[in-house]
Amino acid sequence: MTTALVVLNWRNAAGTVACLDSLKNITTPDVAVIVVDNGSGDDSVSVIRQRHPDLTLLETGANLGYAGGNNVGIRYALEHGAAAVGVLNNDALADPAFLQPLLATSQHASHNAILTSMICETEEPEIIWALGGRINWKTAASQLLHAGEQRAAWKDCAPHTVDFAIGTALLAPRQVWEKAGLIDESFFLYYEETDWCVRAQRLGIPSVAVPASCVWHEAGAGGGRTSPQVTYYMTRNALRFLRRNLAGRRRILPLFRVALRAHWHVLGDVRRGQTTRARARMGGVYDFVRGKAGPRVGRPYEQ
């Protein structure tokens, strides 16, 4: 295989099948699609195999999180000789020609960059959801660049450097994966691709947004960004991200800001009667202080 695309499924066979259907039309030759079922425990595997029996389907046997599940597919692709490996969320639909601009930009960058597509909304196909991201190092907040803007205003623009690639649709050549390593599984959910891009930057590998490459993404389909579980991981991992990527005294004030903001939000949660979300937020801070990583241990937070 020359190029491999990894599509991760977790209890969303219908979405994964739709994503794979869109990939049947891609115009780039010699592309292998690798599906990874992330321990769904439902009928996902049988449904996907029935609809796409020709594709490689790997089973993790447990939910390894975004990084862990995708790493299974990335590792498989590299072991089988892929020259470039991309990740495509299973809630995304790909333009038939989305790979060519990514591969061309990679070649222009001497195969030393992480590439990310323009991501538009499935509900409003001409509206941008993200074209790369920017990091606010004071608060660990990640901004989706050009969100809400018209696709037409950017689709003919040249590739440009951003702080991080969007995990919904990214691609990197083999030498980048080998140099930067795989995605850190200790985050489990959220901030993992941002951390990976920052780690790569320290090695001289930029993240580049490629407006000519487009996929459409169902915003919010990956697990409910407002759920208490998501609140927990976003809180904990924002703190972990800052501690890992800021050195010495530079990290003190940002960490304090994020922790203070979390406590401020807890007060708002309680006033609104959202006590489960408040517990999740405090749990994220508490587990950060205790050095807890990976999947959260304990009873799931109620919705």
C-alpha atoms as a PDB file:
ATOM      1  CA  MET A   1       0.000   0.000   0.000  1.00  0.00           C
ATOM      2  CA  THR A   2       1.159   3.559  -0.716  1.00  0.00           C
ATOM      3  CA  THR A   3      -1.360   5.446   1.424  1.00  0.00           C
ATOM      4  CA  ALA A   4      -3.462   4.100   4.278  1.00  0.00           C
ATOM      5  CA  LEU A   5      -6.519   5.658   5.892  1.00  0.00           C
ATOM      6  CA  VAL A   6      -7.557   4.582   9.377  1.00  0.00           C
ATOM      7  CA  VAL A   7     -11.243   4.832  10.303  1.00  0.00           C
ATOM      8  CA  LEU A   8     -12.074   4.185  13.960  1.00  0.00           C
ATOM      9  CA  ASN A   9     -15.480   2.830  14.952  1.00  0.00           C
ATOM     10  CA  TRP A  10     -17.077   2.763  18.371  1.00  0.00           C
ATOM     11  CA  ARG A  11     -20.754   1.816  18.443  1.00  0.00           C
ATOM     12  CA  ASN A  12     -21.582   3.768  15.298  1.00  0.00           C
ATOM     13  CA  ALA A  13     -21.775   1.231  12.500  1.00  0.00           C
ATOM     14  CA  ALA A  14     -24.164   3.377  10.455  1.00  0.00           C
ATOM     15  CA  GLY A  15     -21.832   6.369  10.564  1.00  0.00           C
ATOM     16  CA  THR A  16     -18.802   4.236   9.779  1.00  0.00           C
ATOM     17  CA  VAL A  17     -20.527   2.618   6.801  1.00  0.00           C
ATOM     18  CA  ALA A  18     -21.461   6.064   5.451  1.00  0.00           C
ATOM     19  CA  CYS A  19     -17.850   7.214   5.856  1.00  0.00           C
ATOM     20  CA  LEU A  20     -16.564   4.101   4.089  1.00  0.00           C
ATOM     21  CA  ASP A  21     -19.129   4.562   1.313  1.00  0.00           C
ATOM     22  CA  SER A  22     -17.680   8.027   0.668  1.00  0.00           C
ATOM     23  CA  LEU A  23     -14.167   6.570   0.485  1.00  0.00           C
ATOM     24  CA  LYS A  24     -15.228   4.182  -2.288  1.00  0.00           C
ATOM     25  CA  ASN A  25     -15.244   7.195  -4.598  1.00  0.00           C
ATOM     26  CA  ILE A  26     -11.782   8.578  -3.852  1.00  0.00           C
ATOM     27  CA  THR A  27      -9.756   9.235  -6.979  1.00  0.00           C
ATOM     28  CA  THR A  28      -6.285   8.664  -5.517  1.00  0.00           C
ATOM     29  CA  PRO A  29      -4.813   5.289  -6.559  1.00  0.00           C
ATOM     30  CA  ASP A  30      -3.308   2.678  -4.239  1.00  0.00           C
ATOM     31  CA  VAL A  31      -5.146   3.634  -1.049  1.00  0.00           C
ATOM     32  CA  ALA A  32      -5.864   1.059   1.649  1.00  0.00           C
ATOM     33  CA  VAL A  33      -8.667   1.703   4.125  1.00  0.00           C
ATOM     34  CA  ILE A  34      -8.208   0.142   7.555  1.00  0.00           C
ATOM     35  CA  VAL A  35     -11.202  -0.001   9.879  1.00  0.00           C
ATOM     36  CA  VAL A  36     -10.577  -0.416  13.601  1.00  0.00           C
ATOM     37  CA  ASP A  37     -13.444  -1.431  15.859  1.00  0.00           C
ATOM     38  CA  ASN A  38     -12.667  -0.002  19.276  1.00  0.00           C
ATOM     39  CA  GLY A  39     -14.338  -2.642  21.424  1.00  0.00           C
ATOM     40  CA  SER A  40     -17.885  -1.660  20.466  1.00  0.00           C
ATOM     41  CA  GLY A  41     -19.478  -4.768  21.944  1.00  0.00           C
ATOM     42  CA  ASP A  42     -22.484  -4.478  19.634  1.00  0.00           C
ATOM     43  CA  ASP A  43     -23.172  -5.598  16.061  1.00  0.00           C
ATOM     44  CA  SER A  44     -20.766  -3.053  14.531  1.00  0.00           C
ATOM     45  CA  VAL A  45     -18.235  -5.586  13.274  1.00  0.00           C
ATOM     46  CA  SER A  46     -20.793  -7.773  11.513  1.00  0.00           C
ATOM     47  CA  VAL A  47     -22.563  -4.769   9.950  1.00  0.00           C
ATOM     48  CA  ILE A  48     -19.341  -3.233   8.654  1.00  0.00           C
ATOM     49  CA  ARG A  49     -18.041  -6.563   7.338  1.00  0.00           C
ATOM     50  CA  GLN A  50     -21.324  -7.187   5.563  1.00  0.00           C
ATOM     51  CA  ARG A  51     -21.310  -3.783   3.867  1.00  0.00           C
ATOM     52  CA  HIS A  52     -17.559  -3.608   3.172  1.00  0.00           C
ATOM     53  CA  PRO A  53     -16.194  -7.176   3.112  1.00  0.00           C
ATOM     54  CA  ASP A  54     -13.148  -6.156   1.071  1.00  0.00           C
ATOM     55  CA  LEU A  55     -11.660  -3.848   3.718  1.00  0.00           C
ATOM     56  CA  THR A  56      -9.224  -4.712   6.494  1.00  0.00           C
ATOM     57  CA  LEU A  57     -11.089  -4.674   9.815  1.00  0.00           C
ATOM     58  CA  LEU A  58      -9.137  -4.894  13.053  1.00  0.00           C
ATOM     59  CA  GLU A  59     -10.704  -5.473  16.470  1.00  0.00           C
ATOM     60  CA  THR A  60      -9.147  -4.059  19.637  1.00  0.00           C
ATOM     61  CA  GLY A  61     -11.367  -6.048  22.007  1.00  0.00           C
ATOM     62  CA  ALA A  62     -11.715  -3.039  24.334  1.00  0.00           C
ATOM     63  CA  ASN A  63     -12.265   0.695  24.100  1.00  0.00           C
ATOM     64  CA  LEU A  64      -8.732   2.090  23.866  1.00  0.00           C
ATOM     65  CA  GLY A  65      -9.811   5.685  23.318  1.00  0.00           C
ATOM     66  CA  TYR A  66      -9.181   7.838  20.254  1.00  0.00           C
ATOM     67  CA  ALA A  67      -5.406   7.516  20.374  1.00  0.00           C
ATOM     68  CA  GLY A  68      -5.240   3.850  21.306  1.00  0.00           C
ATOM     69  CA  GLY A  69      -7.750   2.745  18.696  1.00  0.00           C
ATOM     70  CA  ASN A  70      -6.214   4.786  15.902  1.00  0.00           C
ATOM     71  CA  ASN A  71      -2.718   3.680  16.891  1.00  0.00           C
ATOM     72  CA  VAL A  72      -3.738   0.064  16.246  1.00  0.00           C
ATOM     73  CA  GLY A  73      -4.564   0.973  12.657  1.00  0.00           C
ATOM     74  CA  ILE A  74      -1.574   3.290  12.200  1.00  0.00           C
ATOM     75  CA  ARG A  75       0.822   0.645  13.485  1.00  0.00           C
ATOM     76  CA  TYR A  76      -0.720  -1.963  11.174  1.00  0.00           C
ATOM     77  CA  ALA A  77      -0.369   0.365   8.175  1.00  0.00           C
ATOM     78  CA  LEU A  78       3.276   1.148   8.899  1.00  0.00           C
ATOM     79  CA  GLU A  79       4.091  -2.527   9.419  1.00  0.00           C
ATOM     80  CA  HIS A  80       2.560  -3.253   6.010  1.00  0.00           C
ATOM     81  CA  GLY A  81       4.655  -0.672   4.208  1.00  0.00           C
ATOM     82  CA  ALA A  82       2.436   2.412   3.950  1.00  0.00           C
ATOM     83  CA  ALA A  83       4.305   5.498   2.755  1.00  0.00           C
ATOM     84  CA  ALA A  84       1.706   7.789   4.339  1.00  0.00           C
ATOM     85  CA  VAL A  85      -0.987   7.179   6.944  1.00  0.00           C
ATOM     86  CA  GLY A  86      -4.070   9.287   7.552  1.00  0.00           C
ATOM     87  CA  VAL A  87      -6.818   9.301  10.160  1.00  0.00           C
ATOM     88  CA  LEU A  88     -10.429  10.014   9.222  1.00  0.00           C
ATOM     89  CA  ASN A  89     -13.196  10.205  11.808  1.00  0.00           C
ATOM     90  CA  ASN A  90     -16.088   7.875  11.145  1.00  0.00           C
ATOM     91  CA  ASP A  91     -18.517  10.798  11.330  1.00  0.00           C
ATOM     92  CA  ALA A  92     -16.851  12.411   8.314  1.00  0.00           C
ATOM     93  CA  LEU A  93     -17.634  12.146   4.613  1.00  0.00           C
ATOM     94  CA  ALA A  94     -14.717  12.592   2.246  1.00  0.00           C
ATOM     95  CA  ASP A  95     -14.571  14.523  -0.991  1.00  0.00           C
ATOM     96  CA  PRO A  96     -13.458  12.097  -3.740  1.00  0.00           C
ATOM     97  CA  ALA A  97     -10.320  14.168  -4.358  1.00  0.00           C
ATOM     98  CA  PHE A  98      -9.459  15.057  -0.764  1.00  0.00           C
ATOM     99  CA  LEU A  99      -6.247  13.032  -0.647  1.00  0.00           C
ATOM    100  CA  GLN A 100      -4.421  14.506  -3.643  1.00  0.00           C
ATOM    101  CA  PRO A 101      -3.858  17.982  -2.133  1.00  0.00           C
ATOM    102  CA  LEU A 102      -2.638  16.438   1.118  1.00  0.00           C
ATOM    103  CA  LEU A 103      -0.152  14.182  -0.644  1.00  0.00           C
ATOM    104  CA  ALA A 104       1.006  16.983  -2.948  1.00  0.00           C
ATOM    105  CA  THR A 105       1.578  19.290   0.018  1.00  0.00           C
ATOM    106  CA  SER A 106       3.467  16.538   1.812  1.00  0.00           C
ATOM    107  CA  GLN A 107       5.765  16.133  -1.171  1.00  0.00           C
ATOM    108  CA  HIS A 108       6.306  19.903  -1.388  1.00  0.00           C
ATOM    109  CA  ALA A 109       7.220  19.899   2.316  1.00  0.00           C
ATOM    110  CA  SER A 110       9.815  17.156   1.743  1.00  0.00           C
ATOM    111  CA  HIS A 111       7.549  14.709   3.583  1.00  0.00           C
ATOM    112  CA  ASN A 112       8.158  16.532   6.853  1.00  0.00           C
ATOM    113  CA  ALA A 113       4.751  17.891   7.865  1.00  0.00           C
ATOM    114  CA  ILE A 114       1.435  16.876   9.382  1.00  0.00           C
ATOM    115  CA  LEU A 115      -1.381  17.748   6.970  1.00  0.00           C
ATOM    116  CA  THR A 116      -4.987  18.517   7.833  1.00  0.00           C
ATOM    117  CA  SER A 117      -8.010  19.044   5.599  1.00  0.00           C
ATOM    118  CA  MET A 118     -10.572  21.813   5.563  1.00  0.00           C
ATOM    119  CA  ILE A 119     -13.459  20.402   7.575  1.00  0.00           C
ATOM    120  CA  CYS A 120     -16.952  21.617   6.755  1.00  0.00           C
ATOM    121  CA  GLU A 121     -20.292  20.859   8.364  1.00  0.00           C
ATOM    122  CA  THR A 122     -22.543  18.171   6.930  1.00  0.00           C
ATOM    123  CA  GLU A 123     -25.594  20.227   7.887  1.00  0.00           C
ATOM    124  CA  GLU A 124     -24.223  23.321   6.101  1.00  0.00           C
ATOM    125  CA  PRO A 125     -21.784  22.003   3.485  1.00  0.00           C
ATOM    126  CA  GLU A 126     -20.401  25.411   2.512  1.00  0.00           C
ATOM    127  CA  ILE A 127     -19.648  26.456   6.094  1.00  0.00           C
ATOM    128  CA  ILE A 128     -16.246  25.716   7.601  1.00  0.00           C
ATOM    129  CA  TRP A 129     -16.125  23.841  10.890  1.00  0.00           C
ATOM    130  CA  ALA A 130     -12.322  24.003  11.163  1.00  0.00           C
ATOM    131  CA  LEU A 131      -9.266  24.707   9.030  1.00  0.00           C
ATOM    132  CA  GLY A 132      -6.552  23.786  11.475  1.00  0.00           C
ATOM    133  CA  GLY A 133      -6.333  24.975  15.054  1.00  0.00           C
ATOM    134  CA  ARG A 134      -4.654  27.526  17.299  1.00  0.00           C
ATOM    135  CA  ILE A 135      -3.596  27.058  20.923  1.00  0.00           C
ATOM    136  CA  ASN A 136      -4.085  29.653  23.647  1.00  0.00           C
ATOM    137  CA  TRP A 137      -1.161  28.817  25.890  1.00  0.00           C
ATOM    138  CA  LYS A 138      -2.549  30.937  28.724  1.00  0.00           C
ATOM    139  CA  THR A 139      -5.645  28.777  29.114  1.00  0.00           C
ATOM    140  CA  ALA A 140      -4.971  25.582  27.086  1.00  0.00           C
ATOM    141  CA  ALA A 141      -8.025  26.483  25.012  1.00  0.00           C
ATOM    142  CA  SER A 142      -7.904  25.216  21.440  1.00  0.00           C
ATOM    143  CA  GLN A 143      -9.512  27.397  18.770  1.00  0.00           C
ATOM    144  CA  LEU A 144     -10.904  25.929  15.561  1.00  0.00           C
ATOM    145  CA  LEU A 145      -9.669  28.335  12.906  1.00  0.00           C
ATOM    146  CA  HIS A 146     -12.111  29.958  10.458  1.00  0.00           C
ATOM    147  CA  ALA A 147     -15.112  28.230  12.023  1.00  0.00           C
ATOM    148  CA  GLY A 148     -18.343  29.626  10.601  1.00  0.00           C
ATOM    149  CA  GLU A 149     -16.687  31.157   7.546  1.00  0.00           C
ATOM    150  CA  GLN A 150     -17.604  30.368   3.951  1.00  0.00           C
ATOM    151  CA  ARG A 151     -15.748  27.519   2.278  1.00  0.00           C
ATOM    152  CA  ALA A 152     -15.555  29.523  -0.960  1.00  0.00           C
ATOM    153  CA  ALA A 153     -13.404  32.155   0.738  1.00  0.00           C
ATOM    154  CA  TRP A 154     -10.656  29.633   1.535  1.00  0.00           C
ATOM    155  CA  LYS A 155     -10.829  26.644  -0.803  1.00  0.00           C
ATOM    156  CA  ASP A 156      -8.390  28.137  -3.345  1.00  0.00           C
ATOM    157  CA  CYS A 157      -5.914  29.417  -0.754  1.00  0.00           C
ATOM    158  CA  ALA A 158      -2.427  27.998  -0.360  1.00  0.00           C
ATOM    159  CA  PRO A 159      -1.516  25.551   2.405  1.00  0.00           C
ATOM    160  CA  HIS A 160      -0.419  27.344   5.566  1.00  0.00           C
ATOM    161  CA  THR A 161       1.026  26.518   8.961  1.00  0.00           C
ATOM    162  CA  VAL A 162      -1.270  26.145  11.980  1.00  0.00           C
ATOM    163  CA  ASP A 163      -0.667  25.224  15.619  1.00  0.00           C
ATOM    164  CA  PHE A 164      -2.242  21.798  15.274  1.00  0.00           C
ATOM    165  CA  ALA A 165      -4.000  19.512  12.819  1.00  0.00           C
ATOM    166  CA  ILE A 166      -7.599  18.507  13.432  1.00  0.00           C
ATOM    167  CA  GLY A 167      -7.963  14.845  14.338  1.00  0.00           C
ATOM    168  CA  THR A 168     -11.099  14.567  12.227  1.00  0.00           C
ATOM    169  CA  ALA A 169      -8.953  14.386   9.084  1.00  0.00           C
ATOM    170  CA  LEU A 170      -5.174  14.373   9.138  1.00  0.00           C
ATOM    171  CA  LEU A 171      -2.364  12.671   7.258  1.00  0.00           C
ATOM    172  CA  ALA A 172       1.361  12.287   7.804  1.00  0.00           C
ATOM    173  CA  PRO A 173       4.109  10.539   5.839  1.00  0.00           C
ATOM    174  CA  ARG A 174       5.852   7.497   7.267  1.00  0.00           C
ATOM    175  CA  GLN A 175       8.945   9.446   8.325  1.00  0.00           C
ATOM    176  CA  VAL A 176       6.834  11.780  10.476  1.00  0.00           C
ATOM    177  CA  TRP A 177       5.167   8.884  12.302  1.00  0.00           C
ATOM    178  CA  GLU A 178       8.571   7.275  12.795  1.00  0.00           C
ATOM    179  CA  LYS A 179      10.206  10.492  13.998  1.00  0.00           C
ATOM    180  CA  ALA A 180       7.415  11.881  16.194  1.00  0.00           C
ATOM    181  CA  GLY A 181       6.010   8.555  17.341  1.00  0.00           C
ATOM    182  CA  LEU A 182       2.373   7.569  17.584  1.00  0.00           C
ATOM    183  CA  ILE A 183      -0.380   9.471  19.386  1.00  0.00           C
ATOM    184  CA  ASP A 184      -0.102   9.441  23.187  1.00  0.00           C
ATOM    185  CA  GLU A 185      -2.698   7.029  24.561  1.00  0.00           C
ATOM    186  CA  SER A 186      -2.544   8.394  28.101  1.00  0.00           C
ATOM    187  CA  PHE A 187      -5.004  11.181  27.205  1.00  0.00           C
ATOM    188  CA  PHE A 188      -7.639   8.597  26.176  1.00  0.00           C
ATOM    189  CA  LEU A 189     -10.025  11.288  24.850  1.00  0.00           C
ATOM    190  CA  TYR A 190      -9.392  14.924  23.845  1.00  0.00           C
ATOM    191  CA  TYR A 191      -6.139  16.871  23.469  1.00  0.00           C
ATOM    192  CA  GLU A 192      -4.259  13.819  22.167  1.00  0.00           C
ATOM    193  CA  GLU A 193      -3.820  15.006  18.561  1.00  0.00           C
ATOM    194  CA  THR A 194      -3.016  18.530  19.777  1.00  0.00           C
ATOM    195  CA  ASP A 195      -0.323  17.123  22.038  1.00  0.00           C
ATOM    196  CA  TRP A 196       1.016  15.001  19.164  1.00  0.00           C
ATOM    197  CA  CYS A 197       1.273  18.025  16.872  1.00  0.00           C
ATOM    198  CA  VAL A 198       3.057  20.087  19.531  1.00  0.00           C
ATOM    199  CA  ARG A 199       5.474  17.224  20.142  1.00  0.00           C
ATOM    200  CA  ALA A 200       6.144  17.065  16.399  1.00  0.00           C
ATOM    201  CA  GLN A 201       6.742  20.826  16.247  1.00  0.00           C
ATOM    202  CA  ARG A 202       9.529  20.485  18.792  1.00  0.00           C
ATOM    203  CA  LEU A 203      11.158  18.075  16.334  1.00  0.00           C
ATOM    204  CA  GLY A 204      10.869  20.545  13.461  1.00  0.00           C
ATOM    205  CA  ILE A 205       7.681  19.065  11.981  1.00  0.00           C
ATOM    206  CA  PRO A 206       4.992  21.699  11.300  1.00  0.00           C
ATOM    207  CA  SER A 207       1.246  21.202  11.067  1.00  0.00           C
ATOM    208  CA  VAL A 208      -0.134  22.469   7.766  1.00  0.00           C
ATOM    209  CA  ALA A 209      -3.753  23.166   6.830  1.00  0.00           C
ATOM    210  CA  VAL A 210      -4.584  22.354   3.203  1.00  0.00           C
ATOM    211  CA  PRO A 211      -7.735  24.246   2.094  1.00  0.00           C
ATOM    212  CA  ALA A 212      -7.973  22.377  -1.219  1.00  0.00           C
ATOM    213  CA  SER A 213      -8.649  19.155   0.690  1.00  0.00           C
ATOM    214  CA  CYS A 214     -12.153  18.941   2.115  1.00  0.00           C
ATOM    215  CA  VAL A 215     -14.201  16.567   4.240  1.00  0.00           C
ATOM    216  CA  TRP A 216     -17.608  17.074   5.823  1.00  0.00           C
ATOM    217  CA  HIS A 217     -18.029  16.427   9.526  1.00  0.00           C
ATOM    218  CA  GLU A 218     -21.101  15.960  11.673  1.00  0.00           C
ATOM    219  CA  ALA A 219     -20.214  18.350  14.474  1.00  0.00           C
ATOM    220  CA  GLY A 220     -20.744  16.824  17.905  1.00  0.00           C
ATOM    221  CA  ALA A 221     -21.249  13.270  16.642  1.00  0.00           C
ATOM    222  CA  GLY A 222     -18.168  11.918  18.399  1.00  0.00           C
ATOM    223  CA  GLY A 223     -19.700  11.511  21.840  1.00  0.00           C
ATOM    224  CA  GLY A 224     -21.564  14.586  22.983  1.00  0.00           C
ATOM    225  CA  ARG A 225     -19.198  17.420  23.858  1.00  0.00           C
ATOM    226  CA  THR A 226     -21.562  18.570  26.626  1.00  0.00           C
ATOM    227  CA  SER A 227     -21.786  15.243  28.479  1.00  0.00           C
ATOM    228  CA  PRO A 228     -20.264  14.926  31.975  1.00  0.00           C
ATOM    229  CA  GLN A 229     -17.817  12.324  30.658  1.00  0.00           C
ATOM    230  CA  VAL A 230     -16.534  14.818  28.098  1.00  0.00           C
ATOM    231  CA  THR A 231     -16.370  17.543  30.752  1.00  0.00           C
ATOM    232  CA  TYR A 232     -14.160  15.274  32.851  1.00  0.00           C
ATOM    233  CA  TYR A 233     -11.695  14.497  30.053  1.00  0.00           C
ATOM    234  CA  MET A 234     -11.566  18.065  28.758  1.00  0.00           C
ATOM    235  CA  THR A 235     -10.815  19.389  32.250  1.00  0.00           C
ATOM    236  CA  ARG A 236      -8.224  16.787  33.182  1.00  0.00           C
ATOM    237  CA  ASN A 237      -6.483  16.763  29.830  1.00  0.00           C
ATOM    238  CA  ALA A 238      -6.279  20.549  29.483  1.00  0.00           C
ATOM    239  CA  LEU A 239      -4.215  20.526  32.661  1.00  0.00           C
ATOM    240  CA  ARG A 240      -2.143  17.536  31.517  1.00  0.00           C
ATOM    241  CA  PHE A 241      -1.516  19.178  28.147  1.00  0.00           C
ATOM    242  CA  LEU A 242      -0.133  22.341  29.764  1.00  0.00           C
ATOM    243  CA  ARG A 243       2.048  20.450  32.234  1.00  0.00           C
ATOM    244  CA  ARG A 244       3.529  18.312  29.458  1.00  0.00           C
ATOM    245  CA  ASN A 245       4.187  21.110  27.002  1.00  0.00           C
ATOM    246  CA  LEU A 246       5.205  24.123  29.085  1.00  0.00           C
ATOM    247  CA  ALA A 247       8.487  24.050  30.964  1.00  0.00           C
ATOM    248  CA  GLY A 248       9.336  25.252  34.444  1.00  0.00           C
ATOM    249  CA  ARG A 249       7.781  28.490  35.644  1.00  0.00           C
ATOM    250  CA  ARG A 250       6.008  29.053  32.333  1.00  0.00           C
ATOM    251  CA  ARG A 251       3.445  26.444  33.293  1.00  0.00           C
ATOM    252  CA  ILE A 252       2.505  27.800  36.740  1.00  0.00           C
ATOM    253  CA  LEU A 253       0.182  30.662  35.771  1.00  0.00           C
ATOM    254  CA  PRO A 254      -1.591  28.792  32.925  1.00  0.00           C
ATOM    255  CA  LEU A 255      -2.208  25.791  35.196  1.00  0.00           C
ATOM    256  CA  PHE A 256      -3.582  28.097  37.870  1.00  0.00           C
ATOM    257  CA  ARG A 257      -5.877  29.796  35.340  1.00  0.00           C
ATOM    258  CA  VAL A 258      -7.289  26.500  34.065  1.00  0.00           C
ATOM    259  CA  ALA A 259      -7.861  25.135  37.571  1.00  0.00           C
ATOM    260  CA  LEU A 260      -9.481  28.407  38.669  1.00  0.00           C
ATOM    261  CA  ARG A 261     -11.685  28.448  35.579  1.00  0.00           C
ATOM    262  CA  ALA A 262     -12.785  24.873  36.322  1.00  0.00           C
ATOM    263  CA  HIS A 263     -13.793  25.817  39.860  1.00  0.00           C
ATOM    264  CA  TRP A 264     -15.642  28.875  38.547  1.00  0.00           C
ATOM    265  CA  HIS A 265     -17.567  26.670  36.130  1.00  0.00           C
ATOM    266  CA  VAL A 266     -18.378  24.285  38.971  1.00  0.00           C
ATOM    267  CA  LEU A 267     -20.197  27.111  40.750  1.00  0.00           C
ATOM    268  CA  GLY A 268     -22.195  27.764  37.588  1.00  0.00           C
ATOM    269  CA  ASP A 269     -22.967  24.063  37.206  1.00  0.00           C
ATOM    270  CA  VAL A 270     -24.302  23.915  40.761  1.00  0.00           C
ATOM    271  CA  ARG A 271     -26.427  27.040  40.295  1.00  0.00           C
ATOM    272  CA  ARG A 272     -27.998  25.456  37.210  1.00  0.00           C
ATOM    273  CA  GLY A 273     -28.634  22.213  39.049  1.00  0.00           C
ATOM    274  CA  GLN A 274     -26.044  20.337  36.954  1.00  0.00           C
ATOM    275  CA  THR A 275     -24.432  18.580  39.884  1.00  0.00           C
ATOM    276  CA  THR A 276     -23.213  15.615  37.822  1.00  0.00           C
ATOM    277  CA  ARG A 277     -21.299  17.944  35.521  1.00  0.00           C
ATOM    278  CA  ALA A 278     -19.881  19.747  38.544  1.00  0.00           C
ATOM    279  CA  ARG A 279     -18.627  16.426  39.969  1.00  0.00           C
ATOM    280  CA  ALA A 280     -17.122  15.518  36.600  1.00  0.00           C
ATOM    281  CA  ARG A 281     -15.293  18.828  36.404  1.00  0.00           C
ATOM    282  CA  MET A 282     -13.927  18.536  39.915  1.00  0.00           C
ATOM    283  CA  GLY A 283     -13.042  14.910  39.214  1.00  0.00           C
ATOM    284  CA  GLY A 284     -10.937  16.041  36.270  1.00  0.00           C
ATOM    285  CA  VAL A 285      -8.972  18.474  38.441  1.00  0.00           C
ATOM    286  CA  TYR A 286      -8.620  15.925  41.248  1.00  0.00           C
ATOM    287  CA  ASP A 287      -7.374  13.165  38.951  1.00  0.00           C
ATOM    288  CA  PHE A 288      -4.882  15.557  37.354  1.00  0.00           C
ATOM    289  CA  VAL A 289      -3.469  16.395  40.775  1.00  0.00           C
ATOM    290  CA  ARG A 290      -3.233  12.668  41.564  1.00  0.00           C
ATOM    291  CA  GLY A 291      -1.449  12.020  38.260  1.00  0.00           C
ATOM    292  CA  LYS A 292      -4.233   9.851  36.847  1.00  0.00           C
ATOM    293  CA  ALA A 293      -4.139   9.241  33.072  1.00  0.00           C
ATOM    294  CA  GLY A 294      -5.795   6.961  30.545  1.00  0.00           C
ATOM    295  CA  PRO A 295      -9.464   5.983  30.855  1.00  0.00           C
ATOM    296  CA  ARG A 296     -11.265   7.209  33.935  1.00  0.00           C
ATOM    297  CA  VAL A 297     -11.686   4.504  36.577  1.00  0.00           C
ATOM    298  CA  GLY A 298     -15.015   4.326  38.383  1.00  0.00           C
ATOM    299  CA  ARG A 299     -18.714   4.453  37.683  1.00  0.00           C
ATOM    300  CA  PRO A 300     -19.648   6.426  34.556  1.00  0.00           C
ATOM    301  CA  TYR A 301     -21.072   9.857  35.203  1.00  0.00           C
ATOM    302  CA  GLU A 302     -24.806   9.907  34.641  1.00  0.00           C
ATOM    303  CA  GLN A 303     -26.049  12.049  31.766  1.00  0.00           C
END
